[in-house]
Amino acid sequence: MDFQQLSDAALLQSIRGDDATAFKVLYDRYWESLYLKACKRVDKDEAKDMVQEVMTTLWRRRNDIVVHEDGQIGRYLHTAIKYRVISHYAYLSNEIPNTDLFTALNSQEVANNLEAKELSELLEQEINRLPARMQQIFRMSREDDFSIADIARQLNLSEQTIKNQLTEALRRIRESIKQKDYGDWVFLLILLYYSSH
């Protein structure tokens, strides 16, 4: 069987049967795009680790993931890497250690509580409360999709300063949202929604 010719859905079917070859083909198919996406926000070593974590989770949850159409697994993986980067900066990974990426992506628990428009408006309010420079850096990262290196060059600041500002911006937004009794899932959902629009 030529696994290279198989669709994502067909590969996932084989992976459910514990087929390591099919998993390697799917891994190779998405590794580079996931890695490049992560590299926009974190350094190369961290990006590699994050891709590894996302793909390991895919293998572990292979029997639970439902794919209705081709291309859906790609969207899952790209959203998962986005979530992983966000949790890295928001320090959520230590506080929700048992959270599974794919469970989170499938969860309707929070999605049903807030409409996309409300999510967008809520985040916009929080961004407007940030100090001017922090707000500028956050918007360049989230809205203009500039990498940390690009922002550092344009603003004549160190990459570490940019990372610190992004981390602090996310921390402040998260704290403010938690005070409104929404909690971490709304924070994640907002950022996932926001960074995909």
Protein backbone atom coordinates (compact mmCIF):
# COMPACT_ATOMS: atom_id res chain seq x y z
CA MET A 1 0.00 0.00 0.00
CA ASP A 2 1.30 3.45 -0.94
CA PHE A 3 0.51 5.49 2.16
CA GLN A 4 1.72 8.70 0.48
CA GLN A 5 -1.33 8.62 -1.80
CA LEU A 6 -3.83 8.23 1.04
CA SER A 7 -6.02 11.09 2.29
CA ASP A 8 -5.68 12.30 5.87
CA ALA A 9 -8.92 10.52 6.80
CA ALA A 10 -7.66 7.22 5.33
CA LEU A 11 -4.33 7.62 7.13
CA LEU A 12 -6.14 8.27 10.41
CA GLN A 13 -8.15 5.10 9.85
CA SER A 14 -4.90 3.12 9.52
CA ILE A 15 -3.41 4.92 12.54
CA ARG A 16 -6.42 3.80 14.59
CA GLY A 17 -5.29 0.27 13.76
CA ASP A 18 -1.91 1.12 15.35
CA ASP A 19 -0.19 1.48 11.97
CA ALA A 20 3.06 3.33 12.70
CA THR A 21 3.87 3.76 8.99
CA ALA A 22 0.63 5.64 8.39
CA PHE A 23 1.40 7.82 11.42
CA LYS A 24 4.87 8.63 10.07
CA VAL A 25 3.36 9.69 6.71
CA LEU A 26 0.85 11.98 8.49
CA TYR A 27 3.63 13.28 10.73
CA ASP A 28 5.84 14.09 7.72
CA ARG A 29 2.89 15.66 5.89
CA TYR A 30 2.29 18.25 8.63
CA TRP A 31 5.58 18.55 10.50
CA GLU A 32 7.06 21.43 8.51
CA SER A 33 3.94 23.62 8.42
CA LEU A 34 3.38 23.12 12.17
CA TYR A 35 7.03 23.84 12.90
CA LEU A 36 7.04 27.03 10.80
CA LYS A 37 3.84 28.20 12.50
CA ALA A 38 5.34 27.65 15.95
CA CYS A 39 8.62 29.33 14.91
CA LYS A 40 6.75 32.60 14.38
CA ARG A 41 6.15 32.78 18.14
CA VAL A 42 8.89 30.75 19.87
CA ASP A 43 12.50 29.76 19.22
CA LYS A 44 13.41 26.75 17.06
CA ASP A 45 14.03 24.27 19.87
CA GLU A 46 10.76 25.14 21.59
CA ALA A 47 8.95 24.90 18.25
CA LYS A 48 10.33 21.38 17.67
CA ASP A 49 9.24 20.31 21.17
CA MET A 50 5.76 21.72 20.63
CA VAL A 51 5.28 19.90 17.32
CA GLN A 52 6.50 16.71 19.01
CA GLU A 53 3.96 17.16 21.81
CA VAL A 54 1.08 17.83 19.41
CA MET A 55 1.91 14.77 17.29
CA THR A 56 2.39 12.57 20.36
CA THR A 57 -1.06 13.65 21.55
CA LEU A 58 -2.48 12.79 18.14
CA TRP A 59 -1.05 9.26 18.41
CA ARG A 60 -2.27 8.86 21.99
CA ARG A 61 -5.79 10.04 21.11
CA ARG A 62 -5.94 8.31 17.70
CA ASN A 63 -9.06 6.32 18.61
CA ASP A 64 -10.96 9.33 19.96
CA ILE A 65 -10.53 11.83 17.13
CA VAL A 66 -13.41 12.06 14.69
CA VAL A 67 -12.70 13.31 11.17
CA HIS A 68 -15.69 13.93 8.92
CA GLU A 69 -13.90 15.43 5.95
CA ASP A 70 -10.47 15.59 4.44
CA GLY A 71 -8.38 18.51 5.65
CA GLN A 72 -10.00 18.48 9.08
CA ILE A 73 -7.03 16.77 10.73
CA GLY A 74 -4.81 19.56 9.40
CA ARG A 75 -7.05 22.16 11.02
CA TYR A 76 -6.95 20.20 14.28
CA LEU A 77 -3.17 20.09 14.26
CA HIS A 78 -2.73 23.77 13.41
CA THR A 79 -5.21 24.80 16.09
CA ALA A 80 -3.44 22.49 18.54
CA ILE A 81 -0.04 24.08 17.84
CA LYS A 82 -1.62 27.52 18.25
CA TYR A 83 -3.06 26.43 21.60
CA ARG A 84 0.32 25.05 22.66
CA VAL A 85 2.06 28.35 21.86
CA ILE A 86 -0.60 30.33 23.70
CA SER A 87 -0.36 28.11 26.76
CA HIS A 88 3.43 28.50 26.67
CA TYR A 89 3.15 32.28 26.89
CA ALA A 90 0.21 32.37 29.26
CA TYR A 91 1.78 29.90 31.70
CA LEU A 92 -1.31 27.76 31.50
CA SER A 93 0.53 24.51 30.94
CA ASN A 94 1.54 24.24 34.61
CA GLU A 95 -1.92 25.00 35.89
CA ILE A 96 -3.93 22.64 33.71
CA PRO A 97 -1.55 19.65 33.52
CA ASN A 98 -4.18 17.07 32.63
CA THR A 99 -5.76 19.04 29.85
CA ASP A 100 -5.69 17.29 26.52
CA LEU A 101 -5.33 19.45 23.41
CA PHE A 102 -7.83 17.53 21.35
CA THR A 103 -10.38 17.29 24.15
CA ALA A 104 -10.15 21.06 24.41
CA LEU A 105 -10.67 21.51 20.69
CA ASN A 106 -13.70 19.21 20.71
CA SER A 107 -15.24 20.77 23.79
CA GLN A 108 -18.49 22.66 23.31
CA GLU A 109 -18.64 23.54 27.01
CA VAL A 110 -17.36 27.06 26.53
CA ALA A 111 -18.14 27.56 22.87
CA ASN A 112 -21.85 27.40 23.62
CA ASN A 113 -21.61 30.13 26.25
CA LEU A 114 -20.20 32.88 24.12
CA GLU A 115 -20.75 33.81 20.51
CA ALA A 116 -17.73 34.57 18.35
CA LYS A 117 -18.69 38.25 18.20
CA GLU A 118 -18.80 38.43 21.99
CA LEU A 119 -15.41 36.73 22.24
CA SER A 120 -13.92 39.23 19.83
CA GLU A 121 -15.44 42.20 21.67
CA LEU A 122 -14.32 40.91 25.06
CA LEU A 123 -10.73 40.54 23.90
CA GLU A 124 -10.78 43.95 22.20
CA GLN A 125 -11.83 45.56 25.50
CA GLU A 126 -8.99 43.84 27.31
CA ILE A 127 -6.39 44.84 24.69
CA ASN A 128 -7.49 48.46 24.93
CA ARG A 129 -6.67 48.41 28.65
CA LEU A 130 -3.02 47.49 28.06
CA PRO A 131 -0.29 50.17 28.22
CA ALA A 132 0.36 51.74 24.79
CA ARG A 133 3.66 49.98 23.97
CA MET A 134 2.42 46.60 25.21
CA GLN A 135 -0.78 47.04 23.20
CA GLN A 136 1.23 47.88 20.09
CA ILE A 137 3.40 44.76 20.47
CA PHE A 138 0.38 42.55 21.14
CA ARG A 139 -1.46 43.87 18.08
CA MET A 140 1.60 43.45 15.85
CA SER A 141 1.86 39.85 16.99
CA ARG A 142 -1.83 38.90 16.88
CA GLU A 143 -3.33 41.12 14.19
CA ASP A 144 -0.44 41.66 11.80
CA ASP A 145 1.07 38.18 12.38
CA PHE A 146 4.59 39.57 12.82
CA SER A 147 7.15 37.22 14.33
CA ILE A 148 8.97 38.15 17.54
CA ALA A 149 12.10 38.87 15.49
CA ASP A 150 10.16 41.16 13.11
CA ILE A 151 8.61 43.13 15.97
CA ALA A 152 11.99 43.48 17.70
CA ARG A 153 13.56 44.83 14.48
CA GLN A 154 10.76 47.29 13.77
CA LEU A 155 10.61 48.67 17.29
CA ASN A 156 14.37 48.51 17.86
CA LEU A 157 13.96 46.33 20.96
CA SER A 158 15.48 43.00 21.97
CA GLU A 159 13.59 39.78 21.19
CA GLN A 160 13.54 39.02 24.93
CA THR A 161 11.80 42.34 25.60
CA ILE A 162 9.15 41.47 23.00
CA LYS A 163 8.65 38.01 24.55
CA ASN A 164 8.33 39.58 28.00
CA GLN A 165 5.80 42.12 26.77
CA LEU A 166 3.68 39.44 25.05
CA THR A 167 3.80 37.23 28.13
CA GLU A 168 2.78 40.13 30.38
CA ALA A 169 0.00 41.19 27.97
CA LEU A 170 -1.45 37.68 27.99
CA ARG A 171 -1.12 37.46 31.77
CA ARG A 172 -3.03 40.72 32.24
CA ILE A 173 -5.75 39.76 29.77
CA ARG A 174 -6.12 36.37 31.42
CA GLU A 175 -6.34 37.81 34.93
CA SER A 176 -8.94 40.34 33.85
CA ILE A 177 -11.06 37.65 32.16
CA LYS A 178 -10.81 35.41 35.23
CA GLN A 179 -12.06 38.27 37.42
CA LYS A 180 -15.17 38.35 35.24
CA ASP A 181 -15.79 34.71 36.25
CA TYR A 182 -15.09 33.29 32.82
CA GLY A 183 -11.99 31.21 33.59
CA ASP A 184 -9.10 29.82 31.57
CA TRP A 185 -11.10 28.09 28.86
CA VAL A 186 -12.69 31.32 27.74
CA PHE A 187 -9.26 32.93 27.70
CA LEU A 188 -7.93 30.14 25.47
CA LEU A 189 -10.98 30.15 23.25
CA ILE A 190 -10.76 33.91 22.79
CA LEU A 191 -7.12 33.73 21.76
CA LEU A 192 -7.70 30.73 19.47
CA TYR A 193 -10.59 32.52 17.83
CA TYR A 194 -8.81 35.83 17.65
CA SER A 195 -5.55 34.53 16.22
CA SER A 196 -7.35 32.64 13.44
CA HIS A 197 -9.16 35.72 12.14
